[in-house]
Protein backbone atom coordinates (compact mmCIF):
# COMPACT_ATOMS: atom_id res chain seq x y z
CA ASP A 1 -102.74 23.71 71.40
CA ARG A 2 -101.70 21.12 74.00
CA LEU A 3 -98.06 22.13 73.67
CA GLY A 4 -98.73 25.81 74.25
CA LYS A 5 -95.51 27.82 74.06
CA ALA A 6 -93.16 24.84 74.15
CA PHE A 7 -90.79 26.64 71.84
CA VAL A 8 -87.82 28.99 72.04
CA GLU A 9 -88.15 32.68 71.21
CA VAL A 10 -85.07 34.77 70.52
CA LEU A 11 -85.20 38.53 70.91
CA ARG A 12 -82.37 40.70 69.62
CA PHE A 13 -81.87 44.03 71.36
CA PRO A 14 -79.63 46.73 69.85
CA ASP A 15 -78.96 48.25 73.29
CA GLU A 16 -80.01 48.07 76.93
CA GLY A 17 -83.54 49.27 76.16
CA LEU A 18 -86.81 47.36 76.13
CA ASN A 19 -87.34 47.45 72.36
CA TYR A 20 -86.01 44.58 70.29
CA ASP A 21 -85.30 44.83 66.57
CA ARG A 22 -85.79 41.16 65.74
CA ARG A 23 -87.87 38.29 67.10
CA ILE A 24 -87.83 34.71 65.87
CA GLU A 25 -89.44 31.50 67.15
CA PHE A 26 -87.94 28.01 67.04
CA ALA A 27 -90.49 25.22 67.40
CA GLY A 28 -90.56 21.52 66.61
CA PRO A 29 -88.93 18.56 68.40
CA ALA A 30 -86.60 19.38 71.28
CA HIS A 31 -83.43 18.35 69.46
CA ARG A 32 -84.35 20.48 66.44
CA GLN A 33 -84.85 23.47 68.71
CA VAL A 34 -81.40 23.00 70.25
CA GLU A 35 -79.71 22.63 66.86
CA ALA A 36 -81.50 25.54 65.19
CA VAL A 37 -81.17 27.98 68.10
CA THR A 38 -77.46 27.22 68.58
CA ALA A 39 -76.78 27.75 64.87
CA PHE A 40 -78.78 31.00 64.87
CA LEU A 41 -76.94 32.39 67.89
CA MET A 42 -73.53 31.49 66.47
CA ASP A 43 -74.42 33.28 63.25
CA GLU A 44 -75.76 36.36 65.04
CA LEU A 45 -72.78 36.64 67.38
CA GLY A 46 -70.19 36.14 64.67
CA ILE A 47 -66.46 35.98 65.31
CA ASP A 48 -63.52 38.22 66.13
CA LEU A 49 -61.02 37.99 63.29
CA ILE A 50 -57.52 38.68 64.65
CA VAL A 51 -54.19 38.53 62.88
CA SER A 52 -51.28 37.74 65.21
CA GLY A 53 -47.88 37.17 63.70
CA ALA A 54 -48.28 35.19 60.49
CA ARG A 55 -51.49 33.56 61.64
CA ARG A 56 -55.13 34.50 61.48
CA TYR A 57 -57.39 33.54 64.38
CA GLU A 58 -61.17 33.31 64.14
CA LEU A 59 -62.40 33.56 67.71
CA PRO A 60 -66.08 32.84 68.41
CA ARG A 61 -67.51 35.47 70.73
CA ILE A 62 -68.98 32.64 72.79
CA PRO A 63 -67.82 29.03 72.29
CA GLU A 64 -70.38 26.96 70.40
CA ILE A 65 -70.30 24.20 73.01
CA VAL A 66 -71.33 26.72 75.68
CA LEU A 67 -74.28 28.03 73.68
CA ARG A 68 -75.40 24.53 72.78
CA GLU A 69 -75.24 23.32 76.37
CA ALA A 70 -77.06 26.40 77.70
CA VAL A 71 -79.87 25.97 75.17
CA ALA A 72 -80.03 22.21 75.75
CA ASN A 73 -80.27 22.75 79.50
CA ALA A 74 -83.13 25.21 79.02
CA VAL A 75 -85.03 22.84 76.71
CA ALA A 76 -84.43 19.80 78.92
CA HIS A 77 -85.05 21.39 82.31
CA ARG A 78 -87.83 23.87 81.61
CA SER A 79 -91.16 23.32 83.30
CA TYR A 80 -93.50 21.91 80.66
CA GLU A 81 -96.36 22.50 83.07
CA GLU A 82 -95.95 26.22 82.38
CA LEU A 83 -96.91 26.14 78.71
CA GLY A 84 -98.02 29.77 78.74
CA ARG A 85 -94.36 30.85 78.59
CA ALA A 86 -91.70 30.05 76.05
CA ILE A 87 -87.98 29.75 76.65
CA ARG A 88 -86.77 33.29 76.08
CA ILE A 89 -83.33 34.23 74.82
CA GLU A 90 -82.25 37.85 74.92
CA LEU A 91 -79.37 38.72 72.64
CA ARG A 92 -77.70 42.02 73.57
CA PRO A 93 -74.42 43.65 72.46
CA ASP A 94 -72.49 42.41 75.50
CA ARG A 95 -74.29 39.23 76.57
CA VAL A 96 -76.72 36.41 75.84
CA THR A 97 -79.33 35.61 78.49
CA ILE A 98 -81.35 32.38 78.35
CA ILE A 99 -84.47 32.32 80.53
CA SER A 100 -86.21 29.00 81.12
CA PRO A 101 -89.72 28.65 82.67
CA GLY A 102 -89.71 27.05 86.12
CA GLY A 103 -87.32 27.42 89.03
CA LEU A 104 -84.35 25.22 89.80
CA PRO A 105 -85.43 21.67 90.73
CA GLU A 106 -84.52 20.65 94.27
CA PRO A 107 -81.91 20.23 95.65
CA VAL A 108 -80.13 22.42 93.05
CA THR A 109 -79.41 26.05 94.01
CA GLU A 110 -77.47 28.90 92.42
CA GLU A 111 -74.53 28.08 94.67
CA ASN A 112 -74.28 24.33 93.97
CA THR A 113 -75.10 24.12 90.25
CA ARG A 114 -71.70 22.59 89.52
CA GLU A 115 -71.83 19.92 92.23
CA THR A 116 -75.53 19.02 92.32
CA GLN A 117 -77.77 17.69 89.57
CA SER A 118 -81.49 17.03 89.28
CA ALA A 119 -83.23 16.36 85.98
CA ARG A 120 -86.77 17.71 85.66
CA ASN A 121 -87.48 16.00 82.33
CA ILE A 122 -85.26 12.93 82.21
CA ARG A 123 -86.67 11.62 78.92
CA VAL A 124 -86.01 14.88 77.08
CA LEU A 125 -82.52 15.06 78.55
CA SER A 126 -81.78 11.44 77.67
CA ALA A 127 -82.85 12.01 74.06
CA LEU A 128 -80.60 15.06 73.75
CA ARG A 129 -77.69 13.12 75.21
CA GLN A 130 -78.19 10.26 72.77
CA LEU A 131 -78.07 12.78 69.93
CA ARG A 132 -74.92 14.33 71.46
CA LEU A 133 -76.66 17.64 71.98
CA ALA A 134 -76.20 17.64 75.75
CA GLU A 135 -73.39 16.53 78.04
CA ASP A 136 -73.51 13.44 80.23
CA ALA A 137 -75.06 13.64 83.67
CA GLY A 138 -73.48 16.27 85.87
CA ARG A 139 -71.13 17.70 83.22
CA GLY A 140 -73.24 20.43 81.61
CA VAL A 141 -72.42 23.27 83.99
CA ASP A 142 -68.80 22.11 84.23
CA VAL A 143 -68.43 22.24 80.45
CA MET A 144 -69.96 25.70 80.25
CA GLN A 145 -67.78 27.14 83.01
CA ASP A 146 -64.59 25.43 81.87
CA SER A 147 -65.10 26.33 78.20
CA MET A 148 -65.65 30.00 79.01
CA ALA A 149 -62.50 29.99 81.17
CA GLU A 150 -60.55 28.25 78.41
CA ALA A 151 -61.61 31.01 76.00
CA LEU A 152 -60.56 33.68 78.56
CA LEU A 153 -64.17 34.89 78.87
CA ASP A 154 -66.05 35.75 82.04
CA PRO A 155 -67.97 32.81 83.57
CA PRO A 156 -71.67 32.15 83.01
CA VAL A 157 -73.94 33.62 85.67
CA PHE A 158 -76.87 31.51 86.91
CA ALA A 159 -79.89 32.99 88.65
CA ASP A 160 -82.99 31.35 90.14
CA LEU A 161 -85.79 33.88 89.70
CA GLY A 162 -88.38 31.66 91.40
CA HIS A 163 -90.67 31.28 88.40
CA SER A 164 -87.79 30.84 85.99
CA VAL A 165 -84.04 30.18 85.74
CA SER A 166 -81.63 32.29 83.75
CA VAL A 167 -78.05 31.89 82.60
CA THR A 168 -76.17 34.91 81.29
CA LEU A 169 -73.20 34.40 78.98
CA PRO A 170 -70.94 37.46 78.73
CA ILE A 171 -69.68 38.29 75.24
CA ARG A 172 -67.06 40.77 76.39
CA GLY A 173 -64.73 40.59 79.35
CA PRO A 174 -61.56 42.15 80.70
CA ILE A 175 -59.46 40.16 78.21
CA SER A 176 -59.67 41.64 74.69
CA PRO A 177 -59.91 39.49 71.54
CA GLN A 178 -56.43 40.69 70.58
CA GLU A 179 -55.06 39.40 73.88
CA ARG A 180 -56.84 36.07 73.45
CA ALA A 181 -55.27 35.65 70.00
CA TRP A 182 -51.85 36.67 71.32
CA VAL A 183 -51.96 34.02 74.03
CA MET A 184 -52.81 31.42 71.39
CA GLU A 185 -49.84 32.61 69.35
CA VAL A 186 -47.52 32.46 72.39
CA GLU A 187 -48.72 28.96 73.24
CA ARG A 188 -47.37 27.79 69.91
CA ARG A 189 -43.87 28.50 71.28
CA GLY A 190 -44.28 26.44 74.41
CA TYR A 191 -46.85 24.99 76.77
CA VAL A 192 -48.72 27.44 78.96
CA GLN A 193 -50.99 26.07 81.65
CA PRO A 194 -54.48 27.60 81.53
CA VAL A 195 -54.07 29.12 84.99
CA ASP A 196 -50.93 30.95 83.83
CA ARG A 197 -52.59 32.83 80.99
CA ILE A 198 -53.93 35.70 83.06
CA PRO A 199 -50.56 36.61 84.65
CA LEU A 200 -48.95 36.33 81.21
CA ILE A 201 -51.46 38.79 79.72
CA HIS A 202 -50.89 41.27 82.53
CA ALA A 203 -47.14 41.01 81.98
CA ALA A 204 -47.75 41.70 78.29
CA ARG A 205 -49.65 44.83 79.30
CA GLY A 206 -46.47 46.08 80.90
CA GLU A 207 -47.03 45.08 84.53
CA ALA A 208 -44.15 43.99 86.74
CA LEU A 209 -45.68 40.98 88.46
CA THR A 210 -45.14 40.08 92.08
CA ASN A 211 -46.33 37.15 94.14
CA ALA A 212 -48.95 39.39 95.76
CA ARG A 213 -50.23 40.60 92.38
CA VAL A 214 -50.58 37.06 91.03
CA ARG A 215 -52.42 36.01 94.18
CA GLU A 216 -54.83 38.85 93.52
CA LEU A 217 -55.25 38.00 89.83
CA LEU A 218 -55.82 34.28 90.32
CA GLY A 219 -57.35 34.15 93.79
CA VAL A 220 -54.75 31.62 94.96
CA ASP A 221 -52.34 31.36 97.87
CA SER A 222 -48.68 32.38 97.89
CA ARG A 223 -47.44 28.91 97.01
CA ASP A 224 -49.59 28.56 93.89
CA ALA A 225 -48.76 32.11 92.81
CA ARG A 226 -45.05 31.30 93.08
CA LYS A 227 -45.53 28.13 91.03
CA SER A 228 -47.29 30.07 88.28
CA LEU A 229 -44.54 32.69 88.10
CA ARG A 230 -41.79 30.07 88.05
CA ARG A 231 -43.52 28.05 85.32
CA LEU A 232 -43.70 31.13 83.12
CA ARG A 233 -40.11 32.05 83.94
CA ASP A 234 -38.77 28.55 83.27
CA ALA A 235 -40.68 28.40 79.98
CA GLY A 236 -38.93 31.60 78.88
CA PHE A 237 -42.01 33.84 78.98
CA LEU A 238 -41.00 35.96 82.00
CA ASP A 239 -37.73 37.47 83.20
CA GLN A 240 -37.10 37.48 86.97
CA LEU A 241 -35.62 40.52 88.67
CA GLY A 242 -34.50 40.14 92.27
CA GLU A 243 -34.80 37.20 94.63
CA ARG A 244 -37.25 35.71 97.09
CA GLY A 245 -39.87 38.08 98.50
CA GLY A 246 -38.57 41.04 96.53
CA ALA A 247 -38.67 39.35 93.14
CA THR A 248 -40.59 40.89 90.24
CA TYR A 249 -41.32 39.35 86.88
CA THR A 250 -41.66 41.08 83.52
CA LEU A 251 -42.41 39.88 80.03
CA ALA A 252 -39.31 38.31 78.50
CA ARG A 253 -37.70 40.37 75.77
CA ALA A 254 -37.91 37.41 73.40
CA VAL A 255 -41.71 37.38 73.72
CA ARG A 256 -42.98 40.28 71.68
CA ALA A 257 -46.26 41.82 72.83
CA PRO A 258 -48.64 43.57 70.41
CA ALA A 259 -48.49 47.37 70.34
CA ALA A 260 -51.93 47.58 71.96
CA PHE A 261 -50.53 45.90 75.10
CA ARG A 262 -48.03 48.70 75.55
CA MET A 263 -50.74 51.31 75.91
CA SER A 264 -51.72 52.74 79.26
CA PRO A 265 -54.76 51.09 80.90
CA ALA A 266 -56.92 54.09 79.90
CA ASP A 267 -55.67 54.00 76.31
CA LEU A 268 -56.18 50.26 76.11
CA LYS A 269 -59.77 50.60 77.34
CA GLN A 270 -60.45 53.27 74.73
CA PHE A 271 -58.87 51.08 72.05
CA VAL A 272 -61.12 48.12 72.92
CA MET A 273 -64.24 50.37 72.98
CA GLU A 274 -63.39 51.69 69.54
CA LEU A 275 -63.01 48.17 68.19
CA ALA A 276 -66.37 47.20 69.65
CA ALA A 277 -68.02 50.29 68.10
CA GLU A 278 -66.62 49.40 64.68
CA GLU A 279 -68.28 45.97 64.83
CA GLN A 280 -71.76 47.40 65.40
């Protein structure tokens, strides 16, 4: 067969072991592979169904646009000279890893994937773009990273393994599905800038925020940390205690946090682990 293993194989693992409990191949034209694999992964991953207030939120465990772009990148940028290996997708309880034959094309590296682009198979990529299955030039990695951040999930991790390239998409992160839904509920009351969500969640957990703590959480300087705290205060989400360098900020009394947020960090971790176990 001239095309060899120019298909995508998905392996589902029940744990961290080497034995998978399901294997399925997706062949055919490149655009059909992208469509079918994305739909399969969305179905396998499912959603977190959270009720917050009077609303029900269906939160995808990984945004569909991220999965689609990751699969499209693998199909478009794989080395079709290495037809003895298929694109391999490993689906595990806490992550999805997509492994594409062939290393990163020069001058792209792990460190500059967002700023630098180089198409290995421009015709395949162009076809996927025309069918709206891949982002325009230079936007694929941006969309993946920004969409994961928007969903309050950990960022994708890229790795050049020499003979192949992998991207790992975390399913779970430090922000629980309940917290993600709560932020969406709070945002209905007033605008919250994306960068302010993390401090708001920590305040909901019972933390008294300081400028130093927000700098640590967001990786920003003192000025940007102060802006974030003041935006949340002025929007009515935080109460300020004290002035200037000694100021602390706590969740405003008018903004009710779910009971789970009021647990200790150890209790909250146990609560999230129990929820994850129930879904298996």
